Amino acid sequence: MPLVRTPMIAPTKMYRRFPTITPEEAADMICEAVIHKPKRIATPVGTLGQILYAINPKSIDYILNSAYHLFPDSKAAREGGAEPAKSAEPRPDEPPSADEEASRQQVAFASLMRGVHW
């Protein structure tokens, strides 16, 4: 399942630029699974990732490990907690700090790997 824009991800300001789905879209995906009971629900990129992993797991492990190192812990995670988020929507009066603003590499990687988890 792709990243869902919820209050849980709000403290990580870097996620503001990432492709996300709404909670309603995520709920639709879950309802689809419950009602129609398909064998699988996945994004096309997620399915491609599974196929590539079956063909060459070492390459995919390398890519996922690179992603792990590309995205450091958020400030909230490093500090061991943060104030509860009031809203998942970005606040225009609070720009992301330099260490939490997404780099071009991070945004490109997240866009290319939408729906893939690492």
PDB file of N, CA and C in Angstrom:
ATOM      1  N   MET A   1       0.854  -1.176   0.000  1.00  0.00           N
ATOM      2  CA  MET A   1       0.000   0.000   0.000  1.00  0.00           C
ATOM      3  C   MET A   1       0.894   1.230   0.000  1.00  0.00           C
ATOM      4  N   PRO A   2       0.545   2.202  -0.831  1.00  0.00           N
ATOM      5  CA  PRO A   2       1.329   3.437  -0.862  1.00  0.00           C
ATOM      6  C   PRO A   2       1.242   4.199   0.466  1.00  0.00           C
ATOM      7  N   LEU A   3       2.101   5.174   0.612  1.00  0.00           N
ATOM      8  CA  LEU A   3       2.102   6.022   1.792  1.00  0.00           C
ATOM      9  C   LEU A   3       0.776   6.778   1.871  1.00  0.00           C
ATOM     10  N   VAL A   4       0.165   6.776   3.053  1.00  0.00           N
ATOM     11  CA  VAL A   4      -1.129   7.429   3.262  1.00  0.00           C
ATOM     12  C   VAL A   4      -0.902   8.700   4.085  1.00  0.00           C
ATOM     13  N   ARG A   5      -1.480   9.812   3.635  1.00  0.00           N
ATOM     14  CA  ARG A   5      -1.316  11.081   4.342  1.00  0.00           C
ATOM     15  C   ARG A   5      -2.227  11.082   5.565  1.00  0.00           C
ATOM     16  N   THR A   6      -1.646  10.782   6.704  1.00  0.00           N
ATOM     17  CA  THR A   6      -2.369  10.728   7.973  1.00  0.00           C
ATOM     18  C   THR A   6      -1.652  11.605   8.995  1.00  0.00           C
ATOM     19  N   PRO A   7      -2.264  11.853  10.141  1.00  0.00           N
ATOM     20  CA  PRO A   7      -1.577  12.614  11.188  1.00  0.00           C
ATOM     21  C   PRO A   7      -0.277  11.950  11.653  1.00  0.00           C
ATOM     22  N   MET A   8      -0.175  10.639  11.463  1.00  0.00           N
ATOM     23  CA  MET A   8       1.024   9.930  11.906  1.00  0.00           C
ATOM     24  C   MET A   8       2.272  10.365  11.126  1.00  0.00           C
ATOM     25  N   ILE A   9       2.117  10.702   9.848  1.00  0.00           N
ATOM     26  CA  ILE A   9       3.283  11.113   9.067  1.00  0.00           C
ATOM     27  C   ILE A   9       3.491  12.626   9.095  1.00  0.00           C
ATOM     28  N   ALA A  10       2.575  13.373   9.679  1.00  0.00           N
ATOM     29  CA  ALA A  10       2.662  14.835   9.697  1.00  0.00           C
ATOM     30  C   ALA A  10       3.943  15.365  10.350  1.00  0.00           C
ATOM     31  N   PRO A  11       4.442  14.788  11.455  1.00  0.00           N
ATOM     32  CA  PRO A  11       5.676  15.327  12.050  1.00  0.00           C
ATOM     33  C   PRO A  11       6.897  15.216  11.138  1.00  0.00           C
ATOM     34  N   THR A  12       6.864  14.309  10.181  1.00  0.00           N
ATOM     35  CA  THR A  12       7.985  14.165   9.258  1.00  0.00           C
ATOM     36  C   THR A  12       7.724  15.074   8.065  1.00  0.00           C
ATOM     37  N   LYS A  13       8.250  16.276   8.157  1.00  0.00           N
ATOM     38  CA  LYS A  13       7.961  17.303   7.157  1.00  0.00           C
ATOM     39  C   LYS A  13       8.419  16.902   5.763  1.00  0.00           C
ATOM     40  N   MET A  14       9.412  16.036   5.674  1.00  0.00           N
ATOM     41  CA  MET A  14       9.920  15.587   4.391  1.00  0.00           C
ATOM     42  C   MET A  14       8.821  14.902   3.569  1.00  0.00           C
ATOM     43  N   TYR A  15       7.869  14.266   4.229  1.00  0.00           N
ATOM     44  CA  TYR A  15       6.816  13.538   3.519  1.00  0.00           C
ATOM     45  C   TYR A  15       5.831  14.464   2.811  1.00  0.00           C
ATOM     46  N   ARG A  16       5.889  15.752   3.087  1.00  0.00           N
ATOM     47  CA  ARG A  16       4.965  16.687   2.442  1.00  0.00           C
ATOM     48  C   ARG A  16       5.125  16.696   0.928  1.00  0.00           C
ATOM     49  N   ARG A  17       6.315  16.408   0.438  1.00  0.00           N
ATOM     50  CA  ARG A  17       6.560  16.429  -1.002  1.00  0.00           C
ATOM     51  C   ARG A  17       6.437  15.050  -1.637  1.00  0.00           C
ATOM     52  N   PHE A  18       6.184  14.017  -0.852  1.00  0.00           N
ATOM     53  CA  PHE A  18       6.112  12.669  -1.383  1.00  0.00           C
ATOM     54  C   PHE A  18       4.738  12.371  -1.948  1.00  0.00           C
ATOM     55  N   PRO A  19       4.681  11.496  -2.943  1.00  0.00           N
ATOM     56  CA  PRO A  19       3.370  11.091  -3.449  1.00  0.00           C
ATOM     57  C   PRO A  19       2.658  10.250  -2.389  1.00  0.00           C
ATOM     58  N   THR A  20       1.466  10.643  -2.052  1.00  0.00           N
ATOM     59  CA  THR A  20       0.692   9.914  -1.044  1.00  0.00           C
ATOM     60  C   THR A  20      -0.727   9.728  -1.555  1.00  0.00           C
ATOM     61  N   ILE A  21      -1.449   8.860  -0.862  1.00  0.00           N
ATOM     62  CA  ILE A  21      -2.872   8.740  -1.137  1.00  0.00           C
ATOM     63  C   ILE A  21      -3.622   9.231   0.093  1.00  0.00           C
ATOM     64  N   THR A  22      -4.874   9.562  -0.110  1.00  0.00           N
ATOM     65  CA  THR A  22      -5.686  10.049   1.003  1.00  0.00           C
ATOM     66  C   THR A  22      -6.171   8.860   1.831  1.00  0.00           C
ATOM     67  N   PRO A  23      -6.579   9.110   3.067  1.00  0.00           N
ATOM     68  CA  PRO A  23      -7.153   8.017   3.858  1.00  0.00           C
ATOM     69  C   PRO A  23      -8.381   7.401   3.172  1.00  0.00           C
ATOM     70  N   GLU A  24      -9.131   8.233   2.451  1.00  0.00           N
ATOM     71  CA  GLU A  24     -10.304   7.709   1.746  1.00  0.00           C
ATOM     72  C   GLU A  24      -9.888   6.741   0.642  1.00  0.00           C
ATOM     73  N   GLU A  25      -8.822   7.071  -0.085  1.00  0.00           N
ATOM     74  CA  GLU A  25      -8.326   6.168  -1.132  1.00  0.00           C
ATOM     75  C   GLU A  25      -7.807   4.865  -0.525  1.00  0.00           C
ATOM     76  N   ALA A  26      -7.130   4.972   0.607  1.00  0.00           N
ATOM     77  CA  ALA A  26      -6.648   3.771   1.288  1.00  0.00           C
ATOM     78  C   ALA A  26      -7.826   2.920   1.759  1.00  0.00           C
ATOM     79  N   ALA A  27      -8.866   3.582   2.281  1.00  0.00           N
ATOM     80  CA  ALA A  27     -10.059   2.852   2.724  1.00  0.00           C
ATOM     81  C   ALA A  27     -10.721   2.151   1.545  1.00  0.00           C
ATOM     82  N   ASP A  28     -10.746   2.801   0.381  1.00  0.00           N
ATOM     83  CA  ASP A  28     -11.307   2.166  -0.810  1.00  0.00           C
ATOM     84  C   ASP A  28     -10.534   0.908  -1.184  1.00  0.00           C
ATOM     85  N   MET A  29      -9.201   0.969  -1.059  1.00  0.00           N
ATOM     86  CA  MET A  29      -8.385  -0.213  -1.365  1.00  0.00           C
ATOM     87  C   MET A  29      -8.714  -1.354  -0.398  1.00  0.00           C
ATOM     88  N   ILE A  30      -8.872  -1.015   0.875  1.00  0.00           N
ATOM     89  CA  ILE A  30      -9.196  -2.032   1.879  1.00  0.00           C
ATOM     90  C   ILE A  30     -10.590  -2.606   1.621  1.00  0.00           C
ATOM     91  N   CYS A  31     -11.561  -1.737   1.327  1.00  0.00           N
ATOM     92  CA  CYS A  31     -12.927  -2.208   1.041  1.00  0.00           C
ATOM     93  C   CYS A  31     -12.946  -3.117  -0.178  1.00  0.00           C
ATOM     94  N   GLU A  32     -12.186  -2.751  -1.188  1.00  0.00           N
ATOM     95  CA  GLU A  32     -12.085  -3.589  -2.393  1.00  0.00           C
ATOM     96  C   GLU A  32     -11.601  -4.985  -2.016  1.00  0.00           C
ATOM     97  N   ALA A  33     -10.616  -5.041  -1.150  1.00  0.00           N
ATOM     98  CA  ALA A  33     -10.079  -6.340  -0.728  1.00  0.00           C
ATOM     99  C   ALA A  33     -11.095  -7.134   0.075  1.00  0.00           C
ATOM    100  N   VAL A  34     -11.815  -6.465   0.968  1.00  0.00           N
ATOM    101  CA  VAL A  34     -12.780  -7.156   1.821  1.00  0.00           C
ATOM    102  C   VAL A  34     -13.978  -7.649   1.014  1.00  0.00           C
ATOM    103  N   ILE A  35     -14.474  -6.805   0.130  1.00  0.00           N
ATOM    104  CA  ILE A  35     -15.693  -7.141  -0.615  1.00  0.00           C
ATOM    105  C   ILE A  35     -15.426  -8.157  -1.722  1.00  0.00           C
ATOM    106  N   HIS A  36     -14.408  -7.893  -2.544  1.00  0.00           N
ATOM    107  CA  HIS A  36     -14.187  -8.731  -3.728  1.00  0.00           C
ATOM    108  C   HIS A  36     -13.179  -9.854  -3.507  1.00  0.00           C
ATOM    109  N   LYS A  37     -12.439  -9.799  -2.425  1.00  0.00           N
ATOM    110  CA  LYS A  37     -11.459 -10.818  -2.050  1.00  0.00           C
ATOM    111  C   LYS A  37     -10.529 -11.225  -3.206  1.00  0.00           C
ATOM    112  N   PRO A  38      -9.899 -10.219  -3.831  1.00  0.00           N
ATOM    113  CA  PRO A  38      -8.961 -10.582  -4.904  1.00  0.00           C
ATOM    114  C   PRO A  38      -7.749 -11.291  -4.320  1.00  0.00           C
ATOM    115  N   LYS A  39      -7.086 -12.017  -5.160  1.00  0.00           N
ATOM    116  CA  LYS A  39      -5.891 -12.734  -4.719  1.00  0.00           C
ATOM    117  C   LYS A  39      -4.817 -11.757  -4.243  1.00  0.00           C
ATOM    118  N   ARG A  40      -4.774 -10.578  -4.867  1.00  0.00           N
ATOM    119  CA  ARG A  40      -3.737  -9.602  -4.534  1.00  0.00           C
ATOM    120  C   ARG A  40      -4.251  -8.196  -4.838  1.00  0.00           C
ATOM    121  N   ILE A  41      -3.856  -7.261  -4.002  1.00  0.00           N
ATOM    122  CA  ILE A  41      -4.064  -5.843  -4.289  1.00  0.00           C
ATOM    123  C   ILE A  41      -2.689  -5.207  -4.199  1.00  0.00           C
ATOM    124  N   ALA A  42      -2.261  -4.635  -5.302  1.00  0.00           N
ATOM    125  CA  ALA A  42      -0.928  -4.039  -5.345  1.00  0.00           C
ATOM    126  C   ALA A  42      -0.899  -2.956  -6.403  1.00  0.00           C
ATOM    127  N   THR A  43       0.039  -2.043  -6.248  1.00  0.00           N
ATOM    128  CA  THR A  43       0.248  -1.045  -7.290  1.00  0.00           C
ATOM    129  C   THR A  43       1.060  -1.707  -8.403  1.00  0.00           C
ATOM    130  N   PRO A  44       1.018  -1.173  -9.605  1.00  0.00           N
ATOM    131  CA  PRO A  44       1.829  -1.746 -10.691  1.00  0.00           C
ATOM    132  C   PRO A  44       3.322  -1.760 -10.364  1.00  0.00           C
ATOM    133  N   VAL A  45       3.806  -0.703  -9.711  1.00  0.00           N
ATOM    134  CA  VAL A  45       5.228  -0.662  -9.352  1.00  0.00           C
ATOM    135  C   VAL A  45       5.543  -1.727  -8.297  1.00  0.00           C
ATOM    136  N   GLY A  46       4.626  -1.932  -7.364  1.00  0.00           N
ATOM    137  CA  GLY A  46       4.826  -2.968  -6.357  1.00  0.00           C
ATOM    138  C   GLY A  46       4.891  -4.356  -6.979  1.00  0.00           C
ATOM    139  N   THR A  47       4.024  -4.612  -7.958  1.00  0.00           N
ATOM    140  CA  THR A  47       4.027  -5.898  -8.655  1.00  0.00           C
ATOM    141  C   THR A  47       5.326  -6.071  -9.431  1.00  0.00           C
ATOM    142  N   LEU A  48       5.758  -5.016 -10.126  1.00  0.00           N
ATOM    143  CA  LEU A  48       7.023  -5.082 -10.846  1.00  0.00           C
ATOM    144  C   LEU A  48       8.176  -5.372  -9.884  1.00  0.00           C
ATOM    145  N   GLY A  49       8.155  -4.731  -8.726  1.00  0.00           N
ATOM    146  CA  GLY A  49       9.196  -4.983  -7.725  1.00  0.00           C
ATOM    147  C   GLY A  49       9.235  -6.432  -7.280  1.00  0.00           C
ATOM    148  N   GLN A  50       8.076  -7.038  -7.109  1.00  0.00           N
ATOM    149  CA  GLN A  50       8.031  -8.453  -6.718  1.00  0.00           C
ATOM    150  C   GLN A  50       8.606  -9.349  -7.809  1.00  0.00           C
ATOM    151  N   ILE A  51       8.277  -9.032  -9.053  1.00  0.00           N
ATOM    152  CA  ILE A  51       8.801  -9.827 -10.173  1.00  0.00           C
ATOM    153  C   ILE A  51      10.312  -9.695 -10.240  1.00  0.00           C
ATOM    154  N   LEU A  52      10.804  -8.460 -10.146  1.00  0.00           N
ATOM    155  CA  LEU A  52      12.252  -8.241 -10.190  1.00  0.00           C
ATOM    156  C   LEU A  52      12.955  -8.916  -9.019  1.00  0.00           C
ATOM    157  N   TYR A  53      12.312  -8.910  -7.851  1.00  0.00           N
ATOM    158  CA  TYR A  53      12.918  -9.573  -6.684  1.00  0.00           C
ATOM    159  C   TYR A  53      13.009 -11.080  -6.912  1.00  0.00           C
ATOM    160  N   ALA A  54      11.988 -11.644  -7.557  1.00  0.00           N
ATOM    161  CA  ALA A  54      12.015 -13.082  -7.840  1.00  0.00           C
ATOM    162  C   ALA A  54      13.125 -13.424  -8.831  1.00  0.00           C
ATOM    163  N   ILE A  55      13.403 -12.501  -9.755  1.00  0.00           N
ATOM    164  CA  ILE A  55      14.425 -12.746 -10.772  1.00  0.00           C
ATOM    165  C   ILE A  55      15.829 -12.508 -10.216  1.00  0.00           C
ATOM    166  N   ASN A  56      16.020 -11.397  -9.507  1.00  0.00           N
ATOM    167  CA  ASN A  56      17.355 -11.040  -9.034  1.00  0.00           C
ATOM    168  C   ASN A  56      17.269 -10.375  -7.654  1.00  0.00           C
ATOM    169  N   PRO A  57      17.163 -11.165  -6.599  1.00  0.00           N
ATOM    170  CA  PRO A  57      16.983 -10.586  -5.261  1.00  0.00           C
ATOM    171  C   PRO A  57      18.140  -9.710  -4.790  1.00  0.00           C
ATOM    172  N   LYS A  58      19.367 -10.014  -5.167  1.00  0.00           N
ATOM    173  CA  LYS A  58      20.502  -9.204  -4.696  1.00  0.00           C
ATOM    174  C   LYS A  58      20.412  -7.768  -5.189  1.00  0.00           C
ATOM    175  N   SER A  59      20.013  -7.581  -6.437  1.00  0.00           N
ATOM    176  CA  SER A  59      19.893  -6.217  -6.979  1.00  0.00           C
ATOM    177  C   SER A  59      18.818  -5.432  -6.246  1.00  0.00           C
ATOM    178  N   ILE A  60      17.695  -6.071  -5.994  1.00  0.00           N
ATOM    179  CA  ILE A  60      16.603  -5.399  -5.298  1.00  0.00           C
ATOM    180  C   ILE A  60      17.008  -5.102  -3.856  1.00  0.00           C
ATOM    181  N   ASP A  61      17.700  -6.023  -3.209  1.00  0.00           N
ATOM    182  CA  ASP A  61      18.192  -5.766  -1.853  1.00  0.00           C
ATOM    183  C   ASP A  61      19.119  -4.555  -1.841  1.00  0.00           C
ATOM    184  N   TYR A  62      19.954  -4.417  -2.871  1.00  0.00           N
ATOM    185  CA  TYR A  62      20.859  -3.269  -2.968  1.00  0.00           C
ATOM    186  C   TYR A  62      20.060  -1.976  -3.090  1.00  0.00           C
ATOM    187  N   ILE A  63      19.037  -1.976  -3.943  1.00  0.00           N
ATOM    188  CA  ILE A  63      18.206  -0.780  -4.133  1.00  0.00           C
ATOM    189  C   ILE A  63      17.486  -0.424  -2.837  1.00  0.00           C
ATOM    190  N   LEU A  64      16.909  -1.412  -2.173  1.00  0.00           N
ATOM    191  CA  LEU A  64      16.176  -1.143  -0.938  1.00  0.00           C
ATOM    192  C   LEU A  64      17.116  -0.688   0.175  1.00  0.00           C
ATOM    193  N   ASN A  65      18.319  -1.234   0.214  1.00  0.00           N
ATOM    194  CA  ASN A  65      19.294  -0.791   1.208  1.00  0.00           C
ATOM    195  C   ASN A  65      19.712   0.642   0.935  1.00  0.00           C
ATOM    196  N   SER A  66      19.853   0.993  -0.338  1.00  0.00           N
ATOM    197  CA  SER A  66      20.177   2.387  -0.699  1.00  0.00           C
ATOM    198  C   SER A  66      19.067   3.311  -0.233  1.00  0.00           C
ATOM    199  N   ALA A  67      17.821   2.891  -0.407  1.00  0.00           N
ATOM    200  CA  ALA A  67      16.683   3.698   0.035  1.00  0.00           C
ATOM    201  C   ALA A  67      16.709   3.882   1.547  1.00  0.00           C
ATOM    202  N   TYR A  68      17.038   2.826   2.262  1.00  0.00           N
ATOM    203  CA  TYR A  68      17.113   2.901   3.719  1.00  0.00           C
ATOM    204  C   TYR A  68      18.103   3.988   4.149  1.00  0.00           C
ATOM    205  N   HIS A  69      19.232   4.050   3.474  1.00  0.00           N
ATOM    206  CA  HIS A  69      20.250   5.047   3.828  1.00  0.00           C
ATOM    207  C   HIS A  69      19.935   6.427   3.260  1.00  0.00           C
ATOM    208  N   LEU A  70      19.105   6.484   2.217  1.00  0.00           N
ATOM    209  CA  LEU A  70      18.746   7.759   1.608  1.00  0.00           C
ATOM    210  C   LEU A  70      17.786   8.549   2.487  1.00  0.00           C
ATOM    211  N   PHE A  71      16.965   7.845   3.271  1.00  0.00           N
ATOM    212  CA  PHE A  71      15.953   8.498   4.094  1.00  0.00           C
ATOM    213  C   PHE A  71      16.302   8.331   5.575  1.00  0.00           C
ATOM    214  N   PRO A  72      16.917   9.350   6.175  1.00  0.00           N
ATOM    215  CA  PRO A  72      17.287   9.259   7.595  1.00  0.00           C
ATOM    216  C   PRO A  72      16.052   9.355   8.492  1.00  0.00           C
ATOM    217  N   ASP A  73      16.228   9.047   9.762  1.00  0.00           N
ATOM    218  CA  ASP A  73      15.139   9.217  10.721  1.00  0.00           C
ATOM    219  C   ASP A  73      14.721  10.677  10.780  1.00  0.00           C
ATOM    220  N   SER A  74      13.447  10.898  11.035  1.00  0.00           N
ATOM    221  CA  SER A  74      12.952  12.267  11.165  1.00  0.00           C
ATOM    222  C   SER A  74      13.444  12.866  12.480  1.00  0.00           C
ATOM    223  N   LYS A  75      13.300  14.159  12.598  1.00  0.00           N
ATOM    224  CA  LYS A  75      13.690  14.848  13.836  1.00  0.00           C
ATOM    225  C   LYS A  75      12.887  14.285  15.009  1.00  0.00           C
ATOM    226  N   ALA A  76      11.602  14.034  14.795  1.00  0.00           N
ATOM    227  CA  ALA A  76      10.752  13.487  15.857  1.00  0.00           C
ATOM    228  C   ALA A  76      11.247  12.110  16.294  1.00  0.00           C
ATOM    229  N   ALA A  77      11.668  11.297  15.354  1.00  0.00           N
ATOM    230  CA  ALA A  77      12.165   9.964  15.703  1.00  0.00           C
ATOM    231  C   ALA A  77      13.491  10.043  16.444  1.00  0.00           C
ATOM    232  N   ARG A  78      14.357  10.960  16.019  1.00  0.00           N
ATOM    233  CA  ARG A  78      15.660  11.104  16.687  1.00  0.00           C
ATOM    234  C   ARG A  78      15.508  11.611  18.108  1.00  0.00           C
ATOM    235  N   GLU A  79      14.503  12.448  18.350  1.00  0.00           N
ATOM    236  CA  GLU A  79      14.303  13.018  19.675  1.00  0.00           C
ATOM    237  C   GLU A  79      13.469  12.124  20.575  1.00  0.00           C
ATOM    238  N   GLY A  80      12.980  11.041  20.044  1.00  0.00           N
ATOM    239  CA  GLY A  80      12.210  10.105  20.855  1.00  0.00           C
ATOM    240  C   GLY A  80      10.762  10.490  21.043  1.00  0.00           C
ATOM    241  N   GLY A  81      10.260  11.364  20.228  1.00  0.00           N
ATOM    242  CA  GLY A  81       8.854  11.747  20.326  1.00  0.00           C
ATOM    243  C   GLY A  81       8.684  13.192  19.927  1.00  0.00           C
ATOM    244  N   ALA A  82       7.460  13.552  19.717  1.00  0.00           N
ATOM    245  CA  ALA A  82       7.152  14.926  19.331  1.00  0.00           C
ATOM    246  C   ALA A  82       5.752  15.242  19.786  1.00  0.00           C
ATOM    247  N   GLU A  83       5.392  16.501  19.631  1.00  0.00           N
ATOM    248  CA  GLU A  83       4.019  16.883  19.959  1.00  0.00           C
ATOM    249  C   GLU A  83       3.073  16.154  19.029  1.00  0.00           C
ATOM    250  N   PRO A  84       1.883  15.794  19.493  1.00  0.00           N
ATOM    251  CA  PRO A  84       0.939  15.155  18.600  1.00  0.00           C
ATOM    252  C   PRO A  84       0.575  16.081  17.448  1.00  0.00           C
ATOM    253  N   ALA A  85       0.473  15.497  16.274  1.00  0.00           N
ATOM    254  CA  ALA A  85       0.136  16.285  15.089  1.00  0.00           C
ATOM    255  C   ALA A  85      -1.331  16.674  15.121  1.00  0.00           C
ATOM    256  N   LYS A  86      -1.599  17.912  14.808  1.00  0.00           N
ATOM    257  CA  LYS A  86      -2.985  18.369  14.793  1.00  0.00           C
ATOM    258  C   LYS A  86      -3.645  18.078  13.463  1.00  0.00           C
ATOM    259  N   SER A  87      -2.854  18.079  12.390  1.00  0.00           N
ATOM    260  CA  SER A  87      -3.411  17.870  11.061  1.00  0.00           C
ATOM    261  C   SER A  87      -2.356  17.248  10.174  1.00  0.00           C
ATOM    262  N   ALA A  88      -2.809  16.420   9.233  1.00  0.00           N
ATOM    263  CA  ALA A  88      -1.886  15.819   8.279  1.00  0.00           C
ATOM    264  C   ALA A  88      -1.550  16.782   7.154  1.00  0.00           C
ATOM    265  N   GLU A  89      -2.281  17.873   7.047  1.00  0.00           N
ATOM    266  CA  GLU A  89      -2.037  18.835   5.987  1.00  0.00           C
ATOM    267  C   GLU A  89      -0.859  19.726   6.369  1.00  0.00           C
ATOM    268  N   PRO A  90      -0.030  20.066   5.372  1.00  0.00           N
ATOM    269  CA  PRO A  90       1.100  20.936   5.678  1.00  0.00           C
ATOM    270  C   PRO A  90       0.640  22.318   6.107  1.00  0.00           C
ATOM    271  N   ARG A  91       1.390  22.908   7.022  1.00  0.00           N
ATOM    272  CA  ARG A  91       1.090  24.275   7.461  1.00  0.00           C
ATOM    273  C   ARG A  91       2.013  25.210   6.706  1.00  0.00           C
ATOM    274  N   PRO A  92       1.446  26.163   5.975  1.00  0.00           N
ATOM    275  CA  PRO A  92       2.291  27.061   5.195  1.00  0.00           C
ATOM    276  C   PRO A  92       3.195  27.937   6.050  1.00  0.00           C
ATOM    277  N   ASP A  93       2.820  28.187   7.301  1.00  0.00           N
ATOM    278  CA  ASP A  93       3.626  29.052   8.157  1.00  0.00           C
ATOM    279  C   ASP A  93       4.782  28.311   8.815  1.00  0.00           C
ATOM    280  N   GLU A  94       4.882  27.012   8.580  1.00  0.00           N
ATOM    281  CA  GLU A  94       5.947  26.225   9.198  1.00  0.00           C
ATOM    282  C   GLU A  94       6.737  25.485   8.122  1.00  0.00           C
ATOM    283  N   PRO A  95       7.778  26.130   7.562  1.00  0.00           N
ATOM    284  CA  PRO A  95       8.548  25.460   6.524  1.00  0.00           C
ATOM    285  C   PRO A  95       9.386  24.334   7.127  1.00  0.00           C
ATOM    286  N   PRO A  96       9.671  23.295   6.323  1.00  0.00           N
ATOM    287  CA  PRO A  96      10.491  22.214   6.845  1.00  0.00           C
ATOM    288  C   PRO A  96      11.909  22.695   7.137  1.00  0.00           C
ATOM    289  N   SER A  97      12.515  22.133   8.169  1.00  0.00           N
ATOM    290  CA  SER A  97      13.894  22.486   8.485  1.00  0.00           C
ATOM    291  C   SER A  97      14.807  21.894   7.419  1.00  0.00           C
ATOM    292  N   ALA A  98      16.034  22.350   7.385  1.00  0.00           N
ATOM    293  CA  ALA A  98      16.971  21.904   6.348  1.00  0.00           C
ATOM    294  C   ALA A  98      17.184  20.404   6.392  1.00  0.00           C
ATOM    295  N   ASP A  99      17.199  19.807   7.593  1.00  0.00           N
ATOM    296  CA  ASP A  99      17.444  18.375   7.676  1.00  0.00           C
ATOM    297  C   ASP A  99      16.193  17.547   7.385  1.00  0.00           C
ATOM    298  N   GLU A 100      15.021  18.187   7.307  1.00  0.00           N
ATOM    299  CA  GLU A 100      13.807  17.436   7.015  1.00  0.00           C
ATOM    300  C   GLU A 100      13.213  17.776   5.659  1.00  0.00           C
ATOM    301  N   GLU A 101      13.810  18.712   4.954  1.00  0.00           N
ATOM    302  CA  GLU A 101      13.319  19.010   3.617  1.00  0.00           C
ATOM    303  C   GLU A 101      13.815  17.921   2.679  1.00  0.00           C
ATOM    304  N   ALA A 102      12.921  17.400   1.867  1.00  0.00           N
ATOM    305  CA  ALA A 102      13.274  16.307   0.962  1.00  0.00           C
ATOM    306  C   ALA A 102      14.217  16.785  -0.119  1.00  0.00           C
ATOM    307  N   SER A 103      15.261  16.020  -0.345  1.00  0.00           N
ATOM    308  CA  SER A 103      16.186  16.347  -1.426  1.00  0.00           C
ATOM    309  C   SER A 103      15.578  15.889  -2.754  1.00  0.00           C
ATOM    310  N   ARG A 104      16.144  16.335  -3.824  1.00  0.00           N
ATOM    311  CA  ARG A 104      15.657  15.913  -5.144  1.00  0.00           C
ATOM    312  C   ARG A 104      15.806  14.404  -5.309  1.00  0.00           C
ATOM    313  N   GLN A 105      16.896  13.857  -4.796  1.00  0.00           N
ATOM    314  CA  GLN A 105      17.102  12.408  -4.878  1.00  0.00           C
ATOM    315  C   GLN A 105      15.991  11.675  -4.138  1.00  0.00           C
ATOM    316  N   GLN A 106      15.656  12.144  -2.952  1.00  0.00           N
ATOM    317  CA  GLN A 106      14.620  11.488  -2.164  1.00  0.00           C
ATOM    318  C   GLN A 106      13.262  11.566  -2.849  1.00  0.00           C
ATOM    319  N   VAL A 107      12.930  12.728  -3.382  1.00  0.00           N
ATOM    320  CA  VAL A 107      11.643  12.889  -4.059  1.00  0.00           C
ATOM    321  C   VAL A 107      11.593  12.021  -5.304  1.00  0.00           C
ATOM    322  N   ALA A 108      12.670  11.992  -6.074  1.00  0.00           N
ATOM    323  CA  ALA A 108      12.705  11.165  -7.283  1.00  0.00           C
ATOM    324  C   ALA A 108      12.572   9.689  -6.929  1.00  0.00           C
ATOM    325  N   PHE A 109      13.302   9.260  -5.912  1.00  0.00           N
ATOM    326  CA  PHE A 109      13.238   7.857  -5.504  1.00  0.00           C
ATOM    327  C   PHE A 109      11.833   7.502  -5.022  1.00  0.00           C
ATOM    328  N   ALA A 110      11.240   8.348  -4.213  1.00  0.00           N
ATOM    329  CA  ALA A 110       9.898   8.086  -3.696  1.00  0.00           C
ATOM    330  C   ALA A 110       8.870   8.043  -4.826  1.00  0.00           C
ATOM    331  N   SER A 111       9.025   8.914  -5.814  1.00  0.00           N
ATOM    332  CA  SER A 111       8.099   8.920  -6.945  1.00  0.00           C
ATOM    333  C   SER A 111       8.246   7.667  -7.791  1.00  0.00           C
ATOM    334  N   LEU A 112       9.483   7.251  -8.009  1.00  0.00           N
ATOM    335  CA  LEU A 112       9.715   6.040  -8.799  1.00  0.00           C
ATOM    336  C   LEU A 112       9.259   4.777  -8.083  1.00  0.00           C
ATOM    337  N   MET A 113       9.378   4.772  -6.771  1.00  0.00           N
ATOM    338  CA  MET A 113       9.059   3.578  -6.001  1.00  0.00           C
ATOM    339  C   MET A 113       7.725   3.689  -5.274  1.00  0.00           C
ATOM    340  N   ARG A 114       6.817   4.485  -5.784  1.00  0.00           N
ATOM    341  CA  ARG A 114       5.525   4.677  -5.125  1.00  0.00           C
ATOM    342  C   ARG A 114       4.834   3.334  -4.935  1.00  0.00           C
ATOM    343  N   GLY A 115       4.431   3.073  -3.723  1.00  0.00           N
ATOM    344  CA  GLY A 115       3.751   1.818  -3.414  1.00  0.00           C
ATOM    345  C   GLY A 115       4.683   0.708  -3.010  1.00  0.00           C
ATOM    346  N   VAL A 116       5.987   0.960  -3.043  1.00  0.00           N
ATOM    347  CA  VAL A 116       6.966  -0.054  -2.636  1.00  0.00           C
ATOM    348  C   VAL A 116       7.482   0.357  -1.278  1.00  0.00           C
ATOM    349  N   HIS A 117       7.577  -0.579  -0.373  1.00  0.00           N
ATOM    350  CA  HIS A 117       8.030  -0.273   0.984  1.00  0.00           C
ATOM    351  C   HIS A 117       9.422  -0.818   1.188  1.00  0.00           C
ATOM    352  N   TRP A 118      10.219  -0.108   1.968  1.00  0.00           N
ATOM    353  CA  TRP A 118      11.555  -0.571   2.298  1.00  0.00           C
ATOM    354  C   TRP A 118      11.789  -0.453   3.762  1.00  0.00           C
TER     355      TRP A 118
END
